[in-house]
């Protein structure tokens, strides 16, 4: 229903591990991995934890055994007939003959040193991102602003610029999770596990599938942070 995405991109690795190991118990139809694997192959994973979670399904091994994948096995690409491809390894930064655990970067533009890439690329114009925060659950508030940031900036950087310009309104706090920064409060309003409230991010009313540390807004995009339950 969601074009192969299970939860969001960060949760795909754990979801695929669970589905691959329990596929024999599926009813009434067989688990079709092709669409989900296509999502993984075409996503640019950047968080090491997310990479490590995606690796086991790609090599058809459990999480504990994925690190024991021998170098000889790299000559035979896993999942050749089940949706995986060389592109998956390019996205995850592997190359044939390298240790999966070492996560050896590919010597290509995608994995080049950022500084070197910038030296070869012409400067790009800054972009404008519209950013709003909304709470409709209790003590309603809604604020919006437009910030100018360098192209290729993450959502977290957009939030930081908004906070620097209007700290009394767009202040926020984060905690570092194994999958990256997690927003715990905005405008002094924090999520609560007991009440199951949290801050959820949208782009023009479509829920973001990436975290604030990896999502990169486009020029003119409207990002909405909504206090949800």
N, C-alpha and C. Protein backbone atom coordinates (compact mmCIF):
# COMPACT_ATOMS: atom_id res chain seq x y z
N UNK A 1 0.81 -1.20 0.00
CA UNK A 1 0.00 0.00 0.00
C UNK A 1 0.85 1.26 0.00
N UNK A 2 2.06 1.16 0.59
CA UNK A 2 2.93 2.32 0.70
C UNK A 2 4.17 2.12 -0.17
N UNK A 3 3.98 1.44 -1.30
CA UNK A 3 5.06 1.26 -2.29
C UNK A 3 6.28 0.57 -1.70
N UNK A 4 6.06 -0.35 -0.79
CA UNK A 4 7.16 -1.14 -0.25
C UNK A 4 7.75 -0.63 1.04
N UNK A 5 7.38 0.57 1.49
CA UNK A 5 7.93 1.11 2.73
C UNK A 5 7.19 0.51 3.92
N UNK A 6 7.93 -0.01 4.85
CA UNK A 6 7.36 -0.60 6.07
C UNK A 6 7.74 0.30 7.23
N UNK A 7 6.78 1.05 7.75
CA UNK A 7 7.06 2.04 8.78
C UNK A 7 7.70 3.25 8.16
N UNK A 8 9.02 3.36 8.23
CA UNK A 8 9.76 4.39 7.53
C UNK A 8 11.11 3.80 7.12
N UNK A 9 11.96 4.62 6.49
CA UNK A 9 13.23 4.09 6.00
C UNK A 9 14.11 3.56 7.13
N UNK A 10 14.05 4.21 8.29
CA UNK A 10 14.88 3.78 9.41
C UNK A 10 14.46 2.43 9.96
N UNK A 11 13.17 2.11 9.86
CA UNK A 11 12.68 0.85 10.43
C UNK A 11 12.68 -0.29 9.41
N UNK A 12 13.06 -0.01 8.17
CA UNK A 12 13.01 -1.04 7.12
C UNK A 12 13.91 -2.22 7.45
N UNK A 13 15.11 -1.96 7.99
CA UNK A 13 16.04 -3.05 8.27
C UNK A 13 15.48 -4.06 9.24
N UNK A 14 14.94 -3.58 10.37
CA UNK A 14 14.37 -4.49 11.37
C UNK A 14 13.14 -5.20 10.83
N UNK A 15 12.32 -4.46 10.05
CA UNK A 15 11.12 -5.07 9.48
C UNK A 15 11.49 -6.19 8.52
N UNK A 16 12.49 -5.97 7.67
CA UNK A 16 12.90 -7.01 6.73
C UNK A 16 13.50 -8.21 7.45
N UNK A 17 14.25 -7.95 8.51
CA UNK A 17 14.79 -9.08 9.28
C UNK A 17 13.66 -9.95 9.83
N UNK A 18 12.64 -9.29 10.39
CA UNK A 18 11.53 -10.04 10.98
C UNK A 18 10.75 -10.81 9.91
N UNK A 19 10.49 -10.15 8.79
CA UNK A 19 9.68 -10.78 7.73
C UNK A 19 10.44 -11.91 7.04
N UNK A 20 11.74 -11.73 6.85
CA UNK A 20 12.52 -12.78 6.21
C UNK A 20 12.60 -14.04 7.07
N UNK A 21 12.74 -13.87 8.39
CA UNK A 21 12.87 -15.04 9.26
C UNK A 21 11.54 -15.72 9.53
N UNK A 22 10.44 -15.00 9.36
CA UNK A 22 9.13 -15.58 9.65
C UNK A 22 8.29 -15.81 8.40
N UNK A 23 8.91 -15.72 7.23
CA UNK A 23 8.15 -15.82 5.98
C UNK A 23 7.43 -17.15 5.81
N UNK A 24 7.98 -18.22 6.38
CA UNK A 24 7.36 -19.54 6.21
C UNK A 24 6.03 -19.65 6.96
N UNK A 25 5.78 -18.73 7.88
CA UNK A 25 4.54 -18.78 8.64
C UNK A 25 3.47 -17.87 8.04
N UNK A 26 3.76 -17.25 6.90
CA UNK A 26 2.82 -16.30 6.31
C UNK A 26 1.61 -17.01 5.72
N UNK A 27 0.47 -16.38 5.87
CA UNK A 27 -0.78 -16.87 5.27
C UNK A 27 -1.67 -15.64 5.07
N UNK A 28 -2.48 -15.61 4.03
CA UNK A 28 -2.72 -16.70 3.08
C UNK A 28 -1.81 -16.67 1.86
N UNK A 29 -0.87 -15.71 1.78
CA UNK A 29 0.00 -15.65 0.60
C UNK A 29 1.46 -15.58 1.02
N UNK A 30 2.33 -15.90 0.09
CA UNK A 30 3.76 -15.90 0.35
C UNK A 30 4.28 -14.47 0.48
N UNK A 31 5.23 -14.29 1.38
CA UNK A 31 5.87 -12.98 1.58
C UNK A 31 6.63 -12.59 0.31
N UNK A 32 6.25 -11.46 -0.29
CA UNK A 32 6.86 -10.96 -1.50
C UNK A 32 7.85 -9.85 -1.13
N UNK A 33 9.13 -10.19 -1.21
CA UNK A 33 10.16 -9.25 -0.76
C UNK A 33 10.58 -8.23 -1.82
N UNK A 34 10.19 -8.44 -3.08
CA UNK A 34 10.74 -7.64 -4.18
C UNK A 34 10.52 -6.15 -4.00
N UNK A 35 9.29 -5.74 -3.64
CA UNK A 35 9.00 -4.32 -3.53
C UNK A 35 9.76 -3.67 -2.38
N UNK A 36 9.81 -4.36 -1.24
CA UNK A 36 10.53 -3.82 -0.09
C UNK A 36 12.03 -3.73 -0.36
N UNK A 37 12.58 -4.74 -1.04
CA UNK A 37 14.00 -4.71 -1.37
C UNK A 37 14.31 -3.59 -2.36
N UNK A 38 13.37 -3.31 -3.24
CA UNK A 38 13.55 -2.21 -4.18
C UNK A 38 13.66 -0.87 -3.45
N UNK A 39 12.86 -0.70 -2.40
CA UNK A 39 12.93 0.52 -1.59
C UNK A 39 14.31 0.66 -0.96
N UNK A 40 14.82 -0.43 -0.40
CA UNK A 40 16.13 -0.40 0.24
C UNK A 40 17.23 -0.09 -0.77
N UNK A 41 17.14 -0.69 -1.95
CA UNK A 41 18.17 -0.49 -2.98
C UNK A 41 18.24 0.95 -3.46
N UNK A 42 17.12 1.63 -3.45
CA UNK A 42 17.07 2.98 -4.00
C UNK A 42 17.16 4.07 -2.94
N UNK A 43 17.36 3.68 -1.69
CA UNK A 43 17.47 4.68 -0.63
C UNK A 43 18.93 4.92 -0.25
N UNK A 44 19.28 6.16 -0.03
CA UNK A 44 20.65 6.53 0.33
C UNK A 44 20.80 6.49 1.85
N UNK A 45 21.14 5.32 2.38
CA UNK A 45 21.31 5.18 3.83
C UNK A 45 22.58 5.89 4.29
N UNK A 46 22.46 6.64 5.39
CA UNK A 46 23.59 7.40 5.91
C UNK A 46 23.90 7.05 7.37
N UNK A 47 22.91 6.59 8.12
CA UNK A 47 23.12 6.25 9.52
C UNK A 47 23.72 4.85 9.63
N UNK A 48 24.87 4.71 10.32
CA UNK A 48 25.51 3.39 10.44
C UNK A 48 24.60 2.31 11.01
N UNK A 49 23.77 2.67 12.00
CA UNK A 49 22.89 1.67 12.60
C UNK A 49 21.87 1.17 11.59
N UNK A 50 21.30 2.08 10.81
CA UNK A 50 20.34 1.67 9.78
C UNK A 50 21.00 0.78 8.74
N UNK A 51 22.26 1.09 8.38
CA UNK A 51 23.00 0.25 7.43
C UNK A 51 23.18 -1.16 7.99
N UNK A 52 23.57 -1.21 9.28
CA UNK A 52 23.81 -2.52 9.90
C UNK A 52 22.53 -3.34 9.97
N UNK A 53 21.38 -2.70 10.14
CA UNK A 53 20.12 -3.42 10.24
C UNK A 53 19.64 -3.91 8.87
N UNK A 54 19.99 -3.18 7.83
CA UNK A 54 19.58 -3.57 6.47
C UNK A 54 20.45 -4.70 5.93
N UNK A 55 21.70 -4.76 6.38
CA UNK A 55 22.65 -5.74 5.84
C UNK A 55 22.20 -7.19 5.94
N UNK A 56 21.73 -7.68 7.11
CA UNK A 56 21.39 -9.11 7.21
C UNK A 56 20.41 -9.61 6.15
N UNK A 57 19.29 -8.91 5.88
CA UNK A 57 18.40 -9.42 4.83
C UNK A 57 19.07 -9.45 3.46
N UNK A 58 19.96 -8.50 3.19
CA UNK A 58 20.62 -8.45 1.88
C UNK A 58 21.55 -9.64 1.67
N UNK A 59 22.17 -10.13 2.73
CA UNK A 59 23.09 -11.26 2.60
C UNK A 59 22.43 -12.57 3.00
N UNK A 60 21.12 -12.51 3.30
CA UNK A 60 20.34 -13.70 3.63
C UNK A 60 20.89 -14.42 4.85
N UNK A 61 21.24 -13.64 5.88
CA UNK A 61 21.73 -14.21 7.12
C UNK A 61 21.11 -13.48 8.30
N UNK A 62 21.22 -14.08 9.47
CA UNK A 62 20.73 -13.42 10.67
C UNK A 62 21.67 -12.27 11.04
N UNK A 63 21.23 -11.42 11.94
CA UNK A 63 22.05 -10.29 12.36
C UNK A 63 23.37 -10.76 12.96
N UNK A 64 23.32 -11.84 13.76
CA UNK A 64 24.52 -12.35 14.40
C UNK A 64 25.49 -12.96 13.41
N UNK A 65 24.96 -13.56 12.34
CA UNK A 65 25.82 -14.25 11.39
C UNK A 65 26.26 -13.38 10.22
N UNK A 66 25.67 -12.21 10.07
CA UNK A 66 26.01 -11.35 8.93
C UNK A 66 27.47 -10.94 8.96
N UNK A 67 28.03 -10.75 10.16
CA UNK A 67 29.43 -10.35 10.28
C UNK A 67 30.41 -11.45 9.94
N UNK A 68 29.91 -12.69 9.85
CA UNK A 68 30.78 -13.83 9.53
C UNK A 68 30.76 -14.15 8.04
N UNK A 69 30.16 -13.28 7.28
CA UNK A 69 30.06 -13.50 5.83
C UNK A 69 31.45 -13.48 5.23
N UNK A 70 31.90 -14.60 4.71
CA UNK A 70 33.28 -14.72 4.23
C UNK A 70 33.56 -13.91 2.98
N UNK A 71 34.83 -13.55 2.78
CA UNK A 71 35.20 -12.77 1.60
C UNK A 71 34.93 -13.54 0.32
N UNK A 72 35.06 -14.87 0.38
CA UNK A 72 34.83 -15.68 -0.82
C UNK A 72 33.40 -15.55 -1.30
N UNK A 73 32.49 -15.30 -0.36
CA UNK A 73 31.07 -15.20 -0.73
C UNK A 73 30.76 -13.93 -1.49
N UNK A 74 31.68 -12.95 -1.45
CA UNK A 74 31.39 -11.68 -2.13
C UNK A 74 31.44 -11.83 -3.64
N UNK A 75 31.99 -12.93 -4.14
CA UNK A 75 32.02 -13.13 -5.58
C UNK A 75 30.65 -13.53 -6.11
N UNK A 76 29.77 -13.97 -5.22
CA UNK A 76 28.42 -14.32 -5.60
C UNK A 76 27.47 -13.37 -4.89
N UNK A 77 26.91 -12.45 -5.64
CA UNK A 77 26.05 -11.44 -5.03
C UNK A 77 24.80 -12.07 -4.46
N UNK A 78 24.51 -11.85 -3.19
CA UNK A 78 23.32 -12.45 -2.58
C UNK A 78 22.06 -11.84 -3.13
N UNK A 79 20.99 -12.60 -3.00
CA UNK A 79 19.67 -12.14 -3.42
C UNK A 79 19.61 -11.80 -4.90
N UNK A 80 20.41 -12.45 -5.72
CA UNK A 80 20.44 -12.11 -7.13
C UNK A 80 19.07 -12.27 -7.78
N UNK A 81 18.29 -13.20 -7.27
CA UNK A 81 16.99 -13.45 -7.87
C UNK A 81 15.83 -12.97 -7.00
N UNK A 82 16.12 -12.11 -6.02
CA UNK A 82 15.04 -11.72 -5.12
C UNK A 82 14.97 -10.22 -4.89
N UNK A 83 15.44 -9.44 -5.84
CA UNK A 83 15.25 -8.00 -5.74
C UNK A 83 16.50 -7.25 -5.36
N UNK A 84 17.53 -7.91 -4.82
CA UNK A 84 18.76 -7.22 -4.47
C UNK A 84 19.63 -7.07 -5.71
N UNK A 85 20.56 -6.13 -5.70
CA UNK A 85 21.36 -5.88 -6.88
C UNK A 85 22.64 -5.16 -6.49
N UNK A 86 23.51 -4.95 -7.47
CA UNK A 86 24.75 -4.23 -7.21
C UNK A 86 24.46 -2.83 -6.69
N UNK A 87 23.34 -2.26 -7.09
CA UNK A 87 23.00 -0.92 -6.65
C UNK A 87 22.85 -0.86 -5.13
N UNK A 88 22.31 -1.93 -4.53
CA UNK A 88 22.17 -1.96 -3.07
C UNK A 88 23.51 -1.74 -2.41
N UNK A 89 24.52 -2.42 -2.93
CA UNK A 89 25.84 -2.32 -2.31
C UNK A 89 26.44 -0.95 -2.55
N UNK A 90 26.13 -0.35 -3.70
CA UNK A 90 26.60 1.01 -3.94
C UNK A 90 25.98 1.97 -2.96
N UNK A 91 24.68 1.80 -2.68
CA UNK A 91 24.00 2.69 -1.74
C UNK A 91 24.55 2.52 -0.34
N UNK A 92 24.86 1.28 0.04
CA UNK A 92 25.33 1.03 1.39
C UNK A 92 26.83 1.22 1.54
N UNK A 93 27.53 1.42 0.41
CA UNK A 93 28.95 1.71 0.51
C UNK A 93 29.84 0.49 0.54
N UNK A 94 29.41 -0.62 -0.06
CA UNK A 94 30.23 -1.82 -0.10
C UNK A 94 30.78 -2.02 -1.50
N UNK A 95 31.84 -2.78 -1.59
CA UNK A 95 32.38 -3.17 -2.89
C UNK A 95 32.77 -4.64 -2.83
N UNK A 96 32.73 -5.36 -3.94
CA UNK A 96 33.05 -6.78 -3.93
C UNK A 96 34.43 -7.03 -3.34
N UNK A 97 34.51 -8.05 -2.47
CA UNK A 97 35.77 -8.42 -1.86
C UNK A 97 36.05 -7.71 -0.56
N UNK A 98 35.23 -6.71 -0.21
CA UNK A 98 35.45 -5.98 1.04
C UNK A 98 34.63 -6.59 2.15
N UNK A 99 35.05 -6.38 3.37
CA UNK A 99 34.34 -6.92 4.52
C UNK A 99 33.06 -6.13 4.76
N UNK A 100 31.89 -6.78 4.82
CA UNK A 100 30.65 -6.06 5.09
C UNK A 100 30.69 -5.32 6.42
N UNK A 101 31.36 -5.91 7.42
CA UNK A 101 31.40 -5.28 8.72
C UNK A 101 32.20 -4.00 8.67
N UNK A 102 33.24 -3.96 7.83
CA UNK A 102 34.08 -2.77 7.74
C UNK A 102 33.42 -1.61 7.04
N UNK A 103 32.34 -1.90 6.27
CA UNK A 103 31.63 -0.86 5.53
C UNK A 103 32.59 -0.01 4.72
N UNK A 104 33.36 -0.65 3.82
CA UNK A 104 34.32 0.08 3.02
C UNK A 104 33.62 0.96 2.00
N UNK A 105 33.89 2.27 1.98
CA UNK A 105 33.22 3.15 1.04
C UNK A 105 33.62 2.87 -0.39
N UNK A 106 32.68 3.05 -1.29
CA UNK A 106 32.98 2.94 -2.70
C UNK A 106 33.72 4.18 -3.17
N UNK A 107 34.71 4.04 -4.05
CA UNK A 107 35.42 5.21 -4.56
C UNK A 107 34.64 5.87 -5.69
N UNK A 108 33.51 6.46 -5.35
CA UNK A 108 32.69 7.11 -6.36
C UNK A 108 32.20 8.44 -5.83
N UNK A 109 31.51 9.18 -6.69
CA UNK A 109 31.10 10.54 -6.33
C UNK A 109 30.19 10.54 -5.10
N UNK A 110 29.29 9.54 -5.01
CA UNK A 110 28.34 9.54 -3.90
C UNK A 110 29.06 9.44 -2.56
N UNK A 111 30.18 8.70 -2.54
CA UNK A 111 30.87 8.48 -1.27
C UNK A 111 32.18 9.25 -1.20
N UNK A 112 32.35 10.25 -2.07
CA UNK A 112 33.57 11.06 -2.03
C UNK A 112 33.59 11.93 -0.79
N UNK A 113 34.78 12.37 -0.42
CA UNK A 113 34.90 13.28 0.71
C UNK A 113 34.14 14.56 0.40
N UNK A 114 33.22 15.00 1.29
CA UNK A 114 32.39 16.18 1.00
C UNK A 114 33.20 17.39 0.58
N UNK A 115 34.31 17.65 1.24
CA UNK A 115 35.12 18.82 0.90
C UNK A 115 35.63 18.77 -0.53
N UNK A 116 36.09 17.58 -0.95
CA UNK A 116 36.61 17.43 -2.30
C UNK A 116 35.51 17.62 -3.32
N UNK A 117 34.32 17.12 -3.00
CA UNK A 117 33.20 17.25 -3.91
C UNK A 117 32.82 18.72 -4.10
N UNK A 118 32.87 19.48 -3.01
CA UNK A 118 32.51 20.88 -3.08
C UNK A 118 33.51 21.65 -3.93
N UNK A 119 34.77 21.25 -3.90
CA UNK A 119 35.77 21.94 -4.68
C UNK A 119 35.53 21.76 -6.18
N UNK A 120 34.94 20.64 -6.55
CA UNK A 120 34.70 20.35 -7.95
C UNK A 120 33.35 20.85 -8.44
N UNK A 121 32.48 21.24 -7.53
CA UNK A 121 31.14 21.65 -7.89
C UNK A 121 30.99 23.17 -7.78
N UNK A 122 30.27 23.78 -8.70
CA UNK A 122 30.05 25.22 -8.60
C UNK A 122 29.17 25.53 -7.41
N UNK A 123 29.32 26.69 -6.81
CA UNK A 123 28.48 27.05 -5.66
C UNK A 123 27.02 27.11 -6.06
N UNK A 124 26.16 26.66 -5.18
CA UNK A 124 24.72 26.68 -5.46
C UNK A 124 24.06 27.78 -4.65
N UNK A 125 22.97 28.29 -5.19
CA UNK A 125 22.24 29.36 -4.52
C UNK A 125 21.54 28.80 -3.29
N UNK A 126 21.39 29.60 -2.25
CA UNK A 126 20.66 29.15 -1.06
C UNK A 126 19.19 28.91 -1.39
N UNK A 127 18.55 28.14 -0.56
CA UNK A 127 17.13 27.84 -0.76
C UNK A 127 16.31 28.41 0.39
N UNK A 128 15.03 28.56 0.14
CA UNK A 128 14.09 29.03 1.16
C UNK A 128 13.18 27.89 1.56
N UNK A 129 13.10 27.65 2.85
CA UNK A 129 12.24 26.59 3.38
C UNK A 129 11.24 27.21 4.35
N UNK A 130 9.97 26.88 4.18
CA UNK A 130 8.92 27.35 5.07
C UNK A 130 8.74 26.32 6.18
N UNK A 131 8.70 26.79 7.39
CA UNK A 131 8.69 25.89 8.55
C UNK A 131 7.64 26.35 9.55
N UNK A 132 6.77 25.45 9.96
CA UNK A 132 5.72 25.80 10.91
C UNK A 132 5.65 24.77 12.03
N UNK A 133 5.22 25.22 13.20
CA UNK A 133 5.03 24.34 14.35
C UNK A 133 3.60 24.51 14.83
N UNK A 134 2.92 23.41 15.13
CA UNK A 134 1.51 23.46 15.47
C UNK A 134 1.19 22.51 16.62
N UNK A 135 0.40 23.00 17.57
CA UNK A 135 -0.11 22.17 18.65
C UNK A 135 -1.61 22.41 18.76
N UNK A 136 -2.39 21.38 18.51
CA UNK A 136 -3.85 21.49 18.60
C UNK A 136 -4.42 20.63 19.72
N UNK A 137 -3.56 19.95 20.48
CA UNK A 137 -4.05 19.04 21.51
C UNK A 137 -4.48 19.79 22.77
N UNK A 138 -3.67 20.75 23.19
CA UNK A 138 -3.98 21.52 24.39
C UNK A 138 -3.15 22.79 24.36
N UNK A 139 -3.74 23.90 24.81
CA UNK A 139 -3.05 25.19 24.77
C UNK A 139 -2.54 25.47 23.36
N UNK A 140 -3.48 25.57 22.44
CA UNK A 140 -3.20 25.69 21.01
C UNK A 140 -2.16 26.76 20.70
N UNK A 141 -1.26 26.44 19.78
CA UNK A 141 -0.40 27.46 19.20
C UNK A 141 -0.01 27.04 17.79
N UNK A 142 0.26 28.03 16.97
CA UNK A 142 0.70 27.80 15.59
C UNK A 142 1.59 28.95 15.17
N UNK A 143 2.80 28.63 14.75
CA UNK A 143 3.75 29.64 14.30
C UNK A 143 4.37 29.17 12.99
N UNK A 144 4.67 30.11 12.14
CA UNK A 144 5.31 29.77 10.87
C UNK A 144 6.39 30.79 10.55
N UNK A 145 7.38 30.35 9.81
CA UNK A 145 8.47 31.23 9.41
C UNK A 145 9.07 30.71 8.11
N UNK A 146 9.88 31.51 7.50
CA UNK A 146 10.61 31.11 6.29
C UNK A 146 12.08 31.39 6.55
N UNK A 147 12.92 30.41 6.30
CA UNK A 147 14.35 30.56 6.55
C UNK A 147 15.14 30.29 5.29
N UNK A 148 16.28 30.92 5.20
CA UNK A 148 17.17 30.75 4.06
C UNK A 148 18.37 29.92 4.51
N UNK A 149 18.59 28.80 3.85
CA UNK A 149 19.68 27.89 4.21
C UNK A 149 20.43 27.47 2.95
N UNK A 150 21.67 27.01 3.09
CA UNK A 150 22.39 26.49 1.93
C UNK A 150 21.67 25.28 1.34
N UNK A 151 21.78 25.13 0.05
CA UNK A 151 21.21 23.95 -0.60
C UNK A 151 21.84 22.70 -0.02
N UNK A 152 21.08 21.63 0.05
CA UNK A 152 21.53 20.35 0.60
C UNK A 152 21.57 20.34 2.13
N UNK A 153 20.93 21.33 2.76
CA UNK A 153 20.87 21.37 4.22
C UNK A 153 19.86 20.34 4.73
N UNK A 154 20.08 19.83 5.92
CA UNK A 154 19.14 18.90 6.53
C UNK A 154 18.03 19.67 7.24
N UNK A 155 16.97 18.96 7.57
CA UNK A 155 15.87 19.58 8.30
C UNK A 155 16.35 20.09 9.66
N UNK A 156 17.26 19.37 10.28
CA UNK A 156 17.80 19.81 11.56
C UNK A 156 18.48 21.17 11.43
N UNK A 157 19.19 21.38 10.33
CA UNK A 157 19.84 22.65 10.11
C UNK A 157 18.82 23.76 9.87
N UNK A 158 17.72 23.44 9.20
CA UNK A 158 16.64 24.40 9.01
C UNK A 158 16.07 24.82 10.36
N UNK A 159 15.85 23.83 11.22
CA UNK A 159 15.31 24.12 12.56
C UNK A 159 16.28 24.98 13.38
N UNK A 160 17.56 24.73 13.22
CA UNK A 160 18.55 25.51 13.95
C UNK A 160 18.57 26.96 13.50
N UNK A 161 18.43 27.20 12.20
CA UNK A 161 18.38 28.57 11.70
C UNK A 161 17.13 29.28 12.22
N UNK A 162 16.00 28.58 12.19
CA UNK A 162 14.75 29.16 12.71
C UNK A 162 14.89 29.50 14.19
N UNK A 163 15.53 28.62 14.94
CA UNK A 163 15.74 28.87 16.37
C UNK A 163 16.67 30.06 16.60
N UNK A 164 17.70 30.17 15.79
CA UNK A 164 18.63 31.29 15.94
C UNK A 164 17.95 32.63 15.63
N UNK A 165 17.03 32.61 14.67
CA UNK A 165 16.35 33.85 14.29
C UNK A 165 15.24 34.22 15.27
N UNK A 166 14.53 33.21 15.79
CA UNK A 166 13.43 33.47 16.71
C UNK A 166 13.47 32.43 17.85
N UNK A 167 14.44 32.59 18.75
CA UNK A 167 14.64 31.58 19.80
C UNK A 167 13.47 31.43 20.77
N UNK A 168 12.69 32.48 20.96
CA UNK A 168 11.56 32.39 21.88
C UNK A 168 10.41 31.58 21.31
N UNK A 169 10.40 31.38 20.01
CA UNK A 169 9.30 30.65 19.36
C UNK A 169 9.74 29.27 18.89
N UNK A 170 10.84 29.21 18.17
CA UNK A 170 11.24 27.97 17.51
C UNK A 170 12.35 27.23 18.26
N UNK A 171 12.41 27.42 19.58
CA UNK A 171 13.37 26.66 20.37
C UNK A 171 12.98 25.18 20.36
N UNK A 172 13.95 24.31 20.46
CA UNK A 172 13.67 22.87 20.47
C UNK A 172 14.80 22.13 21.16
N UNK A 173 14.53 20.90 21.55
CA UNK A 173 15.55 20.04 22.14
C UNK A 173 15.55 18.70 21.41
N UNK A 174 16.69 18.06 21.42
CA UNK A 174 16.82 16.75 20.78
C UNK A 174 17.58 15.81 21.70
N UNK A 175 17.45 14.53 21.43
CA UNK A 175 18.31 13.54 22.06
C UNK A 175 18.89 12.67 20.96
N UNK A 176 20.11 12.22 21.16
CA UNK A 176 20.76 11.41 20.15
C UNK A 176 20.34 9.96 20.31
N UNK A 177 19.73 9.43 19.28
CA UNK A 177 19.29 8.04 19.23
C UNK A 177 20.26 7.27 18.36
N UNK A 178 20.20 5.95 18.40
CA UNK A 178 21.09 5.14 17.57
C UNK A 178 20.84 5.36 16.08
N UNK A 179 19.65 5.87 15.74
CA UNK A 179 19.34 6.16 14.34
C UNK A 179 19.45 7.64 14.03
N UNK A 180 20.03 8.42 14.94
CA UNK A 180 20.22 9.84 14.68
C UNK A 180 19.49 10.71 15.69
N UNK A 181 19.49 12.04 15.48
CA UNK A 181 18.84 12.95 16.41
C UNK A 181 17.32 12.78 16.42
N UNK A 182 16.74 12.83 17.62
CA UNK A 182 15.29 12.67 17.79
C UNK A 182 14.78 13.91 18.53
N UNK A 183 13.80 14.59 17.94
CA UNK A 183 13.27 15.82 18.53
C UNK A 183 12.37 15.47 19.72
N UNK A 184 12.72 15.98 20.88
CA UNK A 184 11.95 15.69 22.09
C UNK A 184 10.98 16.82 22.46
N UNK A 185 11.32 18.06 22.10
CA UNK A 185 10.42 19.16 22.42
C UNK A 185 10.60 20.30 21.43
N UNK A 186 9.53 21.06 21.22
CA UNK A 186 9.54 22.26 20.39
C UNK A 186 8.71 23.31 21.11
N UNK A 187 9.20 24.53 21.17
CA UNK A 187 8.49 25.64 21.82
C UNK A 187 8.17 25.31 23.28
N UNK A 188 9.06 24.55 23.90
CA UNK A 188 8.87 24.19 25.30
C UNK A 188 7.89 23.07 25.55
N UNK A 189 7.31 22.51 24.49
CA UNK A 189 6.33 21.42 24.63
C UNK A 189 7.00 20.10 24.27
N UNK A 190 7.07 19.21 25.26
CA UNK A 190 7.76 17.93 25.06
C UNK A 190 6.76 16.79 24.92
N UNK A 191 7.17 15.78 24.16
CA UNK A 191 6.36 14.58 24.04
C UNK A 191 6.34 13.82 25.36
N UNK A 192 5.32 12.97 25.52
CA UNK A 192 5.17 12.24 26.76
C UNK A 192 4.83 10.79 26.43
N UNK A 193 5.65 9.86 26.88
CA UNK A 193 5.42 8.45 26.57
C UNK A 193 4.13 7.94 27.18
N UNK A 194 3.82 8.39 28.39
CA UNK A 194 2.60 7.93 29.06
C UNK A 194 1.35 8.37 28.29
N UNK A 195 1.40 9.60 27.76
CA UNK A 195 0.26 10.12 26.99
C UNK A 195 0.37 9.80 25.51
N UNK A 196 1.47 9.20 25.12
CA UNK A 196 1.73 8.84 23.72
C UNK A 196 1.68 10.06 22.81
N UNK A 197 2.29 11.12 23.25
CA UNK A 197 2.38 12.34 22.43
C UNK A 197 3.81 12.53 21.95
N UNK A 198 3.96 13.08 20.78
CA UNK A 198 5.28 13.28 20.19
C UNK A 198 5.16 14.29 19.05
N UNK A 199 6.31 14.79 18.59
CA UNK A 199 6.35 15.71 17.46
C UNK A 199 6.54 14.93 16.17
N UNK A 200 5.62 15.16 15.23
CA UNK A 200 5.66 14.45 13.96
C UNK A 200 5.87 15.47 12.84
N UNK A 201 6.67 15.10 11.85
CA UNK A 201 7.04 16.04 10.79
C UNK A 201 6.39 15.65 9.46
N UNK A 202 5.91 16.68 8.77
CA UNK A 202 5.23 16.49 7.49
C UNK A 202 5.79 17.45 6.44
N UNK A 203 5.63 17.07 5.21
CA UNK A 203 5.91 17.95 4.08
C UNK A 203 4.63 18.10 3.29
N UNK A 204 4.00 19.26 3.40
CA UNK A 204 2.71 19.50 2.73
C UNK A 204 1.73 18.37 3.06
N UNK A 205 1.63 18.04 4.34
CA UNK A 205 0.69 17.06 4.90
C UNK A 205 1.04 15.61 4.57
N UNK A 206 2.21 15.38 4.01
CA UNK A 206 2.68 14.01 3.81
C UNK A 206 3.75 13.72 4.85
N UNK A 207 3.59 12.65 5.63
CA UNK A 207 4.52 12.34 6.70
C UNK A 207 5.91 12.04 6.16
N UNK A 208 6.92 12.63 6.79
CA UNK A 208 8.30 12.38 6.36
C UNK A 208 8.72 10.96 6.70
N UNK A 209 9.48 10.35 5.80
CA UNK A 209 9.96 8.99 6.00
C UNK A 209 11.40 8.96 6.46
N UNK A 210 11.99 10.13 6.70
CA UNK A 210 13.35 10.23 7.20
C UNK A 210 13.37 11.10 8.44
N UNK A 211 14.45 10.99 9.22
CA UNK A 211 14.60 11.79 10.42
C UNK A 211 15.10 13.19 10.11
N UNK A 212 15.07 14.06 11.12
CA UNK A 212 15.48 15.45 10.93
C UNK A 212 16.97 15.56 10.60
N UNK A 213 17.75 14.55 10.96
CA UNK A 213 19.18 14.60 10.69
C UNK A 213 19.57 14.18 9.30
N UNK A 214 18.64 13.57 8.55
CA UNK A 214 18.95 13.10 7.20
C UNK A 214 18.04 13.68 6.13
N UNK A 215 16.84 14.12 6.50
CA UNK A 215 15.93 14.66 5.49
C UNK A 215 16.43 16.03 5.02
N UNK A 216 16.42 16.25 3.72
CA UNK A 216 16.90 17.50 3.14
C UNK A 216 15.77 18.17 2.36
N UNK A 217 15.21 19.24 2.90
CA UNK A 217 14.08 19.92 2.24
C UNK A 217 14.50 20.54 0.91
N UNK A 218 13.53 20.68 0.03
CA UNK A 218 13.74 21.32 -1.26
C UNK A 218 13.43 22.81 -1.17
N UNK A 219 13.85 23.53 -2.17
CA UNK A 219 13.57 24.96 -2.22
C UNK A 219 12.06 25.18 -2.30
N UNK A 220 11.53 26.02 -1.41
CA UNK A 220 10.11 26.33 -1.40
C UNK A 220 9.25 25.31 -0.67
N UNK A 221 9.86 24.28 -0.11
CA UNK A 221 9.08 23.23 0.57
C UNK A 221 8.56 23.74 1.91
N UNK A 222 7.38 23.27 2.29
CA UNK A 222 6.78 23.63 3.56
C UNK A 222 6.86 22.44 4.51
N UNK A 223 7.66 22.58 5.56
CA UNK A 223 7.82 21.54 6.57
C UNK A 223 6.93 21.88 7.77
N UNK A 224 6.14 20.90 8.19
CA UNK A 224 5.23 21.12 9.32
C UNK A 224 5.61 20.19 10.47
N UNK A 225 5.80 20.75 11.63
CA UNK A 225 6.01 19.97 12.85
C UNK A 225 4.70 20.04 13.65
N UNK A 226 4.07 18.91 13.83
CA UNK A 226 2.74 18.86 14.47
C UNK A 226 2.81 17.97 15.70
N UNK A 227 2.34 18.51 16.81
CA UNK A 227 2.30 17.73 18.06
C UNK A 227 1.16 16.73 17.94
N UNK A 228 1.51 15.45 18.00
CA UNK A 228 0.56 14.38 17.66
C UNK A 228 0.42 13.38 18.77
N UNK A 229 -0.61 12.55 18.63
CA UNK A 229 -0.84 11.46 19.55
C UNK A 229 -1.27 10.22 18.80
